[in-house]
Amino acid sequence: MISLVASKERTHPYVIGYKMMKDSKITIKLPEDYNLYFLPENFSYKNSVGSINLWWKQLPNGKIEMSFKMKLEKAEIPVKEYGKLRELFNLTVKTLQNQIVILKKVER
């Protein structure tokens, strides 16, 4: 995704061709002898180009759920708003790199 907006400046509009929404949900089941230690904070960001939302939730029965939603509001991004698109994509990549921490139970 970062390569889509690698250039810091543009001379022509960034044409996507359509408004876009990406919605993903992932559920992870932890092995019985592992405990969740840390979940990243939920994150939301919006500007005139689009928005991203990332939610983490601990579910019963040792499951973890991650929900991610990215929305682009425009089919074509004008040159003057390219920095906002770049910022949105960079934040998306950074946010998705956050990690959960899981620890194995130690029996004594």
N, C-alpha and C. Protein backbone atom coordinates (compact mmCIF):
# COMPACT_ATOMS: atom_id res chain seq x y z
N MET A 1 0.82 -1.18 0.00
CA MET A 1 0.00 0.00 0.00
C MET A 1 0.87 1.25 0.00
N ILE A 2 1.97 1.20 0.73
CA ILE A 2 2.82 2.39 0.83
C ILE A 2 3.40 2.76 -0.53
N SER A 3 3.62 1.78 -1.38
CA SER A 3 4.18 2.07 -2.70
C SER A 3 3.17 2.81 -3.59
N LEU A 4 1.89 2.75 -3.23
CA LEU A 4 0.88 3.45 -4.02
C LEU A 4 1.03 4.96 -3.92
N VAL A 5 1.59 5.43 -2.83
CA VAL A 5 1.74 6.87 -2.62
C VAL A 5 3.16 7.19 -2.17
N ALA A 6 4.13 6.54 -2.77
CA ALA A 6 5.52 6.73 -2.37
C ALA A 6 6.04 8.13 -2.68
N SER A 7 5.64 8.69 -3.79
CA SER A 7 6.09 10.02 -4.18
C SER A 7 5.52 11.06 -3.24
N LYS A 8 6.34 12.03 -2.84
CA LYS A 8 5.87 13.08 -1.93
C LYS A 8 5.06 14.15 -2.64
N GLU A 9 5.25 14.30 -3.93
CA GLU A 9 4.52 15.32 -4.68
C GLU A 9 3.97 14.73 -5.97
N ARG A 10 2.89 15.36 -6.46
CA ARG A 10 2.28 14.95 -7.72
C ARG A 10 2.03 16.17 -8.58
N THR A 11 2.04 15.95 -9.88
CA THR A 11 1.71 17.04 -10.81
C THR A 11 0.34 16.81 -11.46
N HIS A 12 -0.18 15.57 -11.32
CA HIS A 12 -1.48 15.22 -11.88
C HIS A 12 -2.34 14.59 -10.77
N PRO A 13 -3.66 14.63 -10.92
CA PRO A 13 -4.52 14.00 -9.91
C PRO A 13 -4.23 12.51 -9.77
N TYR A 14 -4.49 11.98 -8.59
CA TYR A 14 -4.37 10.55 -8.32
C TYR A 14 -5.72 9.93 -8.64
N VAL A 15 -5.79 9.15 -9.72
CA VAL A 15 -7.06 8.60 -10.19
C VAL A 15 -7.22 7.16 -9.73
N ILE A 16 -8.23 6.93 -8.91
CA ILE A 16 -8.57 5.59 -8.45
C ILE A 16 -9.65 5.02 -9.35
N GLY A 17 -10.55 5.89 -9.80
CA GLY A 17 -11.59 5.47 -10.73
C GLY A 17 -12.93 5.21 -10.07
N TYR A 18 -12.93 5.03 -8.75
CA TYR A 18 -14.17 4.77 -8.02
C TYR A 18 -13.94 5.02 -6.53
N LYS A 19 -15.02 5.30 -5.82
CA LYS A 19 -14.93 5.37 -4.36
C LYS A 19 -14.71 3.95 -3.86
N MET A 20 -14.05 3.83 -2.73
CA MET A 20 -13.68 2.50 -2.28
C MET A 20 -13.96 2.33 -0.79
N MET A 21 -14.36 1.11 -0.42
CA MET A 21 -14.46 0.75 0.98
C MET A 21 -13.94 -0.66 1.15
N LYS A 22 -13.00 -0.84 2.06
CA LYS A 22 -12.43 -2.15 2.38
C LYS A 22 -12.81 -2.46 3.81
N ASP A 23 -13.47 -3.57 4.02
CA ASP A 23 -13.95 -3.96 5.34
C ASP A 23 -13.45 -5.38 5.60
N SER A 24 -12.67 -5.56 6.66
CA SER A 24 -12.11 -6.88 6.99
C SER A 24 -12.36 -7.20 8.45
N LYS A 25 -12.58 -8.47 8.71
CA LYS A 25 -12.71 -8.94 10.09
C LYS A 25 -11.93 -10.24 10.21
N ILE A 26 -11.09 -10.31 11.22
CA ILE A 26 -10.26 -11.49 11.44
C ILE A 26 -10.49 -11.97 12.87
N THR A 27 -10.68 -13.27 13.03
CA THR A 27 -10.81 -13.87 14.35
C THR A 27 -9.68 -14.86 14.54
N ILE A 28 -8.99 -14.74 15.68
CA ILE A 28 -7.87 -15.62 16.00
C ILE A 28 -8.24 -16.41 17.25
N LYS A 29 -8.06 -17.72 17.20
CA LYS A 29 -8.30 -18.56 18.38
C LYS A 29 -6.95 -18.90 19.00
N LEU A 30 -6.80 -18.53 20.27
CA LEU A 30 -5.57 -18.83 20.98
C LEU A 30 -5.54 -20.28 21.42
N PRO A 31 -4.37 -20.91 21.39
CA PRO A 31 -4.26 -22.26 21.95
C PRO A 31 -4.62 -22.22 23.44
N GLU A 32 -5.07 -23.35 23.97
CA GLU A 32 -5.54 -23.39 25.36
C GLU A 32 -4.50 -22.97 26.38
N ASP A 33 -3.24 -23.20 26.12
CA ASP A 33 -2.22 -22.89 27.13
C ASP A 33 -1.58 -21.51 26.92
N TYR A 34 -2.29 -20.62 26.21
CA TYR A 34 -1.80 -19.26 25.97
C TYR A 34 -2.81 -18.24 26.47
N ASN A 35 -2.31 -17.11 26.96
CA ASN A 35 -3.17 -16.01 27.42
C ASN A 35 -2.85 -14.74 26.66
N LEU A 36 -3.86 -13.94 26.45
CA LEU A 36 -3.67 -12.63 25.84
C LEU A 36 -3.05 -11.71 26.88
N TYR A 37 -1.98 -11.05 26.51
CA TYR A 37 -1.30 -10.12 27.42
C TYR A 37 -1.57 -8.67 27.04
N PHE A 38 -1.63 -8.40 25.72
CA PHE A 38 -1.77 -7.01 25.27
C PHE A 38 -2.47 -6.94 23.92
N LEU A 39 -3.44 -6.04 23.81
CA LEU A 39 -4.08 -5.69 22.54
C LEU A 39 -3.76 -4.24 22.23
N PRO A 40 -3.48 -3.90 20.98
CA PRO A 40 -3.28 -2.48 20.63
C PRO A 40 -4.56 -1.69 20.87
N GLU A 41 -4.43 -0.39 21.01
CA GLU A 41 -5.60 0.47 21.18
C GLU A 41 -6.38 0.54 19.88
N ASN A 42 -7.68 0.74 20.00
CA ASN A 42 -8.51 0.99 18.82
C ASN A 42 -8.07 2.32 18.21
N PHE A 43 -8.24 2.45 16.90
CA PHE A 43 -7.75 3.64 16.22
C PHE A 43 -8.74 4.08 15.15
N SER A 44 -9.01 5.38 15.09
CA SER A 44 -9.86 5.96 14.05
C SER A 44 -9.20 7.24 13.56
N TYR A 45 -9.33 7.46 12.24
CA TYR A 45 -8.79 8.68 11.64
C TYR A 45 -9.64 9.02 10.43
N LYS A 46 -9.89 10.31 10.24
CA LYS A 46 -10.68 10.76 9.09
C LYS A 46 -10.14 12.09 8.59
N ASN A 47 -10.08 12.23 7.27
CA ASN A 47 -9.80 13.53 6.65
C ASN A 47 -10.71 13.67 5.43
N SER A 48 -10.48 14.68 4.61
CA SER A 48 -11.38 14.93 3.47
C SER A 48 -11.28 13.88 2.37
N VAL A 49 -10.23 13.07 2.40
CA VAL A 49 -10.02 12.04 1.38
C VAL A 49 -10.67 10.72 1.76
N GLY A 50 -10.62 10.39 3.07
CA GLY A 50 -11.17 9.11 3.49
C GLY A 50 -11.03 8.90 4.98
N SER A 51 -11.18 7.64 5.39
CA SER A 51 -11.10 7.32 6.81
C SER A 51 -10.60 5.89 7.01
N ILE A 52 -10.06 5.65 8.21
CA ILE A 52 -9.68 4.29 8.62
C ILE A 52 -10.17 4.08 10.05
N ASN A 53 -10.57 2.87 10.32
CA ASN A 53 -10.99 2.47 11.66
C ASN A 53 -10.45 1.07 11.92
N LEU A 54 -9.86 0.88 13.10
CA LEU A 54 -9.33 -0.42 13.49
C LEU A 54 -9.77 -0.69 14.92
N TRP A 55 -10.45 -1.80 15.13
CA TRP A 55 -10.95 -2.18 16.45
C TRP A 55 -10.41 -3.55 16.81
N TRP A 56 -10.05 -3.69 18.07
CA TRP A 56 -9.62 -4.97 18.65
C TRP A 56 -10.60 -5.34 19.74
N LYS A 57 -10.89 -6.64 19.85
CA LYS A 57 -11.81 -7.08 20.89
C LYS A 57 -11.40 -8.48 21.36
N GLN A 58 -11.40 -8.68 22.67
CA GLN A 58 -11.18 -10.01 23.21
C GLN A 58 -12.54 -10.67 23.38
N LEU A 59 -12.71 -11.82 22.77
CA LEU A 59 -13.97 -12.56 22.80
C LEU A 59 -13.86 -13.72 23.79
N PRO A 60 -15.01 -14.30 24.17
CA PRO A 60 -14.96 -15.49 25.04
C PRO A 60 -14.27 -16.66 24.33
N ASN A 61 -13.94 -17.65 25.10
CA ASN A 61 -13.35 -18.90 24.58
C ASN A 61 -11.99 -18.69 23.95
N GLY A 62 -11.22 -17.71 24.45
CA GLY A 62 -9.84 -17.53 23.98
C GLY A 62 -9.72 -17.01 22.57
N LYS A 63 -10.66 -16.19 22.12
CA LYS A 63 -10.60 -15.64 20.77
C LYS A 63 -10.33 -14.14 20.80
N ILE A 64 -9.69 -13.68 19.74
CA ILE A 64 -9.41 -12.26 19.54
C ILE A 64 -9.96 -11.88 18.18
N GLU A 65 -10.60 -10.72 18.12
CA GLU A 65 -11.17 -10.26 16.86
C GLU A 65 -10.58 -8.89 16.49
N MET A 66 -10.20 -8.77 15.23
CA MET A 66 -9.75 -7.49 14.71
C MET A 66 -10.68 -7.10 13.57
N SER A 67 -11.19 -5.87 13.62
CA SER A 67 -12.03 -5.35 12.54
C SER A 67 -11.33 -4.12 11.96
N PHE A 68 -11.25 -4.08 10.63
CA PHE A 68 -10.58 -2.98 9.95
C PHE A 68 -11.49 -2.46 8.84
N LYS A 69 -11.60 -1.13 8.75
CA LYS A 69 -12.41 -0.52 7.71
C LYS A 69 -11.65 0.69 7.15
N MET A 70 -11.50 0.71 5.85
CA MET A 70 -10.88 1.84 5.16
C MET A 70 -11.83 2.31 4.08
N LYS A 71 -12.03 3.62 4.03
CA LYS A 71 -12.96 4.19 3.06
C LYS A 71 -12.30 5.36 2.36
N LEU A 72 -12.37 5.35 1.03
CA LEU A 72 -11.92 6.49 0.23
C LEU A 72 -13.16 7.18 -0.30
N GLU A 73 -13.27 8.47 -0.04
CA GLU A 73 -14.48 9.23 -0.36
C GLU A 73 -14.54 9.72 -1.81
N LYS A 74 -13.41 9.67 -2.52
CA LYS A 74 -13.35 10.25 -3.86
C LYS A 74 -12.75 9.27 -4.86
N ALA A 75 -13.21 9.34 -6.09
CA ALA A 75 -12.67 8.50 -7.16
C ALA A 75 -11.40 9.11 -7.75
N GLU A 76 -11.24 10.40 -7.56
CA GLU A 76 -10.06 11.11 -8.06
C GLU A 76 -9.61 12.11 -7.00
N ILE A 77 -8.34 12.03 -6.64
CA ILE A 77 -7.79 12.90 -5.62
C ILE A 77 -7.03 14.04 -6.30
N PRO A 78 -7.48 15.29 -6.12
CA PRO A 78 -6.79 16.42 -6.74
C PRO A 78 -5.37 16.56 -6.19
N VAL A 79 -4.51 17.17 -6.96
CA VAL A 79 -3.12 17.36 -6.56
C VAL A 79 -3.02 18.03 -5.19
N LYS A 80 -3.87 19.02 -4.93
CA LYS A 80 -3.80 19.76 -3.66
C LYS A 80 -4.18 18.89 -2.45
N GLU A 81 -4.87 17.76 -2.67
CA GLU A 81 -5.24 16.87 -1.57
C GLU A 81 -4.40 15.59 -1.53
N TYR A 82 -3.41 15.50 -2.39
CA TYR A 82 -2.58 14.29 -2.45
C TYR A 82 -1.89 14.03 -1.11
N GLY A 83 -1.44 15.07 -0.43
CA GLY A 83 -0.80 14.91 0.88
C GLY A 83 -1.73 14.22 1.88
N LYS A 84 -3.02 14.50 1.80
CA LYS A 84 -3.99 13.87 2.70
C LYS A 84 -4.16 12.39 2.38
N LEU A 85 -4.13 12.04 1.09
CA LEU A 85 -4.20 10.63 0.69
C LEU A 85 -2.96 9.90 1.18
N ARG A 86 -1.83 10.52 0.99
CA ARG A 86 -0.55 9.94 1.43
C ARG A 86 -0.56 9.71 2.94
N GLU A 87 -1.04 10.70 3.69
CA GLU A 87 -1.13 10.58 5.14
C GLU A 87 -2.07 9.44 5.54
N LEU A 88 -3.21 9.33 4.87
CA LEU A 88 -4.16 8.26 5.16
C LEU A 88 -3.54 6.88 4.92
N PHE A 89 -2.88 6.70 3.79
CA PHE A 89 -2.25 5.41 3.49
C PHE A 89 -1.10 5.11 4.45
N ASN A 90 -0.29 6.11 4.77
CA ASN A 90 0.82 5.89 5.70
C ASN A 90 0.31 5.50 7.09
N LEU A 91 -0.75 6.16 7.57
CA LEU A 91 -1.34 5.80 8.86
C LEU A 91 -1.94 4.40 8.83
N THR A 92 -2.52 4.03 7.70
CA THR A 92 -3.09 2.68 7.56
C THR A 92 -2.00 1.63 7.73
N VAL A 93 -0.89 1.80 7.03
CA VAL A 93 0.21 0.84 7.12
C VAL A 93 0.76 0.79 8.54
N LYS A 94 0.98 1.94 9.13
CA LYS A 94 1.52 2.01 10.49
C LYS A 94 0.58 1.33 11.49
N THR A 95 -0.71 1.60 11.38
CA THR A 95 -1.69 1.03 12.29
C THR A 95 -1.79 -0.48 12.16
N LEU A 96 -1.74 -0.99 10.94
CA LEU A 96 -1.85 -2.44 10.74
C LEU A 96 -0.59 -3.19 11.18
N GLN A 97 0.49 -2.47 11.42
CA GLN A 97 1.72 -3.12 11.90
C GLN A 97 1.72 -3.31 13.41
N ASN A 98 0.74 -2.74 14.13
CA ASN A 98 0.64 -2.96 15.57
C ASN A 98 0.46 -4.44 15.84
N GLN A 99 0.98 -4.89 16.97
CA GLN A 99 0.95 -6.31 17.26
C GLN A 99 0.27 -6.60 18.58
N ILE A 100 -0.36 -7.77 18.65
CA ILE A 100 -0.88 -8.26 19.92
C ILE A 100 0.24 -9.03 20.60
N VAL A 101 0.16 -9.18 21.92
CA VAL A 101 1.15 -9.95 22.66
C VAL A 101 0.42 -11.09 23.36
N ILE A 102 0.92 -12.29 23.12
CA ILE A 102 0.33 -13.50 23.70
C ILE A 102 1.42 -14.21 24.49
N LEU A 103 1.08 -14.65 25.70
CA LEU A 103 2.04 -15.35 26.54
C LEU A 103 1.59 -16.78 26.82
N LYS A 104 2.56 -17.69 26.83
CA LYS A 104 2.25 -19.08 27.15
C LYS A 104 2.17 -19.23 28.67
N LYS A 105 1.18 -19.98 29.12
CA LYS A 105 1.04 -20.25 30.55
C LYS A 105 2.20 -21.11 31.03
N VAL A 106 2.70 -20.76 32.19
CA VAL A 106 3.77 -21.55 32.80
C VAL A 106 3.18 -22.27 33.99
N GLU A 107 3.34 -23.58 33.98
CA GLU A 107 2.83 -24.37 35.09
C GLU A 107 3.94 -24.56 36.12
N ARG A 108 3.57 -24.36 37.36
CA ARG A 108 4.59 -24.49 38.45
C ARG A 108 4.28 -25.63 39.35
